[in-house]
Amino acid sequence: MIKMAELPLAVVIRMIKSAGAERVSEDAGEALRVVLEAKAEEVAKKAISLANHAKRKTLKKEDIAEAIKEL
């Protein structure tokens, strides 16, 4: 099954440009998008695990922050 991208390419390219790049190829934007989406999924899964451990169904900002610290 092919997974569709969640982050729009234009947004990722804009992020790269805001970091200082003058020009950004589509391939570079796509490469960063893949990395960002993978990392976001990893953080989300850890945060969900933390919320479940606390017997909550609602994911909170603190779960995300703790997941980032632990990864």
Protein backbone atom coordinates (compact mmCIF):
# COMPACT_ATOMS: atom_id res chain seq x y z
CA MET A 1 0.00 0.00 0.00
CA ILE A 2 1.35 3.41 -0.98
CA LYS A 3 1.08 6.00 1.77
CA MET A 4 0.02 9.49 0.73
CA ALA A 5 2.03 12.45 1.97
CA GLU A 6 0.44 14.38 4.82
CA LEU A 7 2.55 17.54 4.62
CA PRO A 8 2.11 19.67 1.51
CA LEU A 9 5.34 19.99 -0.46
CA ALA A 10 4.90 23.77 -0.75
CA VAL A 11 4.86 24.09 3.03
CA VAL A 12 8.06 22.04 3.40
CA ILE A 13 9.80 24.09 0.72
CA ARG A 14 8.67 27.29 2.46
CA MET A 15 10.16 25.98 5.72
CA ILE A 16 13.49 25.31 4.00
CA LYS A 17 13.47 28.79 2.48
CA SER A 18 12.67 30.37 5.84
CA ALA A 19 15.78 28.60 7.16
CA GLY A 20 17.82 30.56 4.64
CA ALA A 21 17.84 28.68 1.34
CA GLU A 22 17.46 30.89 -1.73
CA ARG A 23 16.22 28.13 -3.99
CA VAL A 24 14.95 24.64 -3.18
CA SER A 25 14.46 21.78 -5.61
CA GLU A 26 11.33 19.65 -5.45
CA ASP A 27 13.52 16.63 -4.70
CA ALA A 28 15.03 18.38 -1.67
CA GLY A 29 11.58 19.33 -0.41
CA GLU A 30 10.35 15.78 -0.90
CA ALA A 31 13.38 14.35 0.93
CA LEU A 32 12.77 16.58 3.95
CA ARG A 33 9.03 15.86 3.85
CA VAL A 34 9.72 12.11 4.14
CA VAL A 35 11.99 12.67 7.15
CA LEU A 36 9.56 15.09 8.86
CA GLU A 37 6.59 12.77 8.40
CA ALA A 38 8.51 9.76 9.71
CA LYS A 39 9.70 11.68 12.77
CA ALA A 40 6.21 13.08 13.41
CA GLU A 41 4.74 9.59 13.29
CA GLU A 42 7.42 8.30 15.68
CA VAL A 43 6.70 11.12 18.15
CA ALA A 44 2.94 10.62 17.84
CA LYS A 45 3.18 6.89 18.53
CA LYS A 46 5.31 7.48 21.62
CA ALA A 47 2.95 10.22 22.83
CA ILE A 48 -0.05 7.93 22.35
CA SER A 49 1.74 5.29 24.38
CA LEU A 50 2.31 7.80 27.18
CA ALA A 51 -1.35 8.88 27.14
CA ASN A 52 -2.49 5.25 27.23
CA HIS A 53 -0.15 4.56 30.15
CA ALA A 54 -1.81 7.46 31.99
CA LYS A 55 -5.18 5.85 31.16
CA ARG A 56 -6.21 8.74 28.92
CA LYS A 57 -7.67 8.69 25.43
CA THR A 58 -6.90 12.37 24.88
CA LEU A 59 -3.40 13.23 23.73
CA LYS A 60 -2.07 16.32 25.48
CA LYS A 61 0.68 18.81 24.73
CA GLU A 62 2.64 17.34 27.62
CA ASP A 63 2.55 13.89 26.00
CA ILE A 64 4.12 15.31 22.84
CA ALA A 65 6.78 17.18 24.84
CA GLU A 66 7.64 14.07 26.87
CA ALA A 67 7.74 11.88 23.76
CA ILE A 68 10.21 14.27 22.14
CA LYS A 69 12.41 14.19 25.24
CA GLU A 70 12.38 10.39 25.36
CA LEU A 71 13.20 9.87 21.68
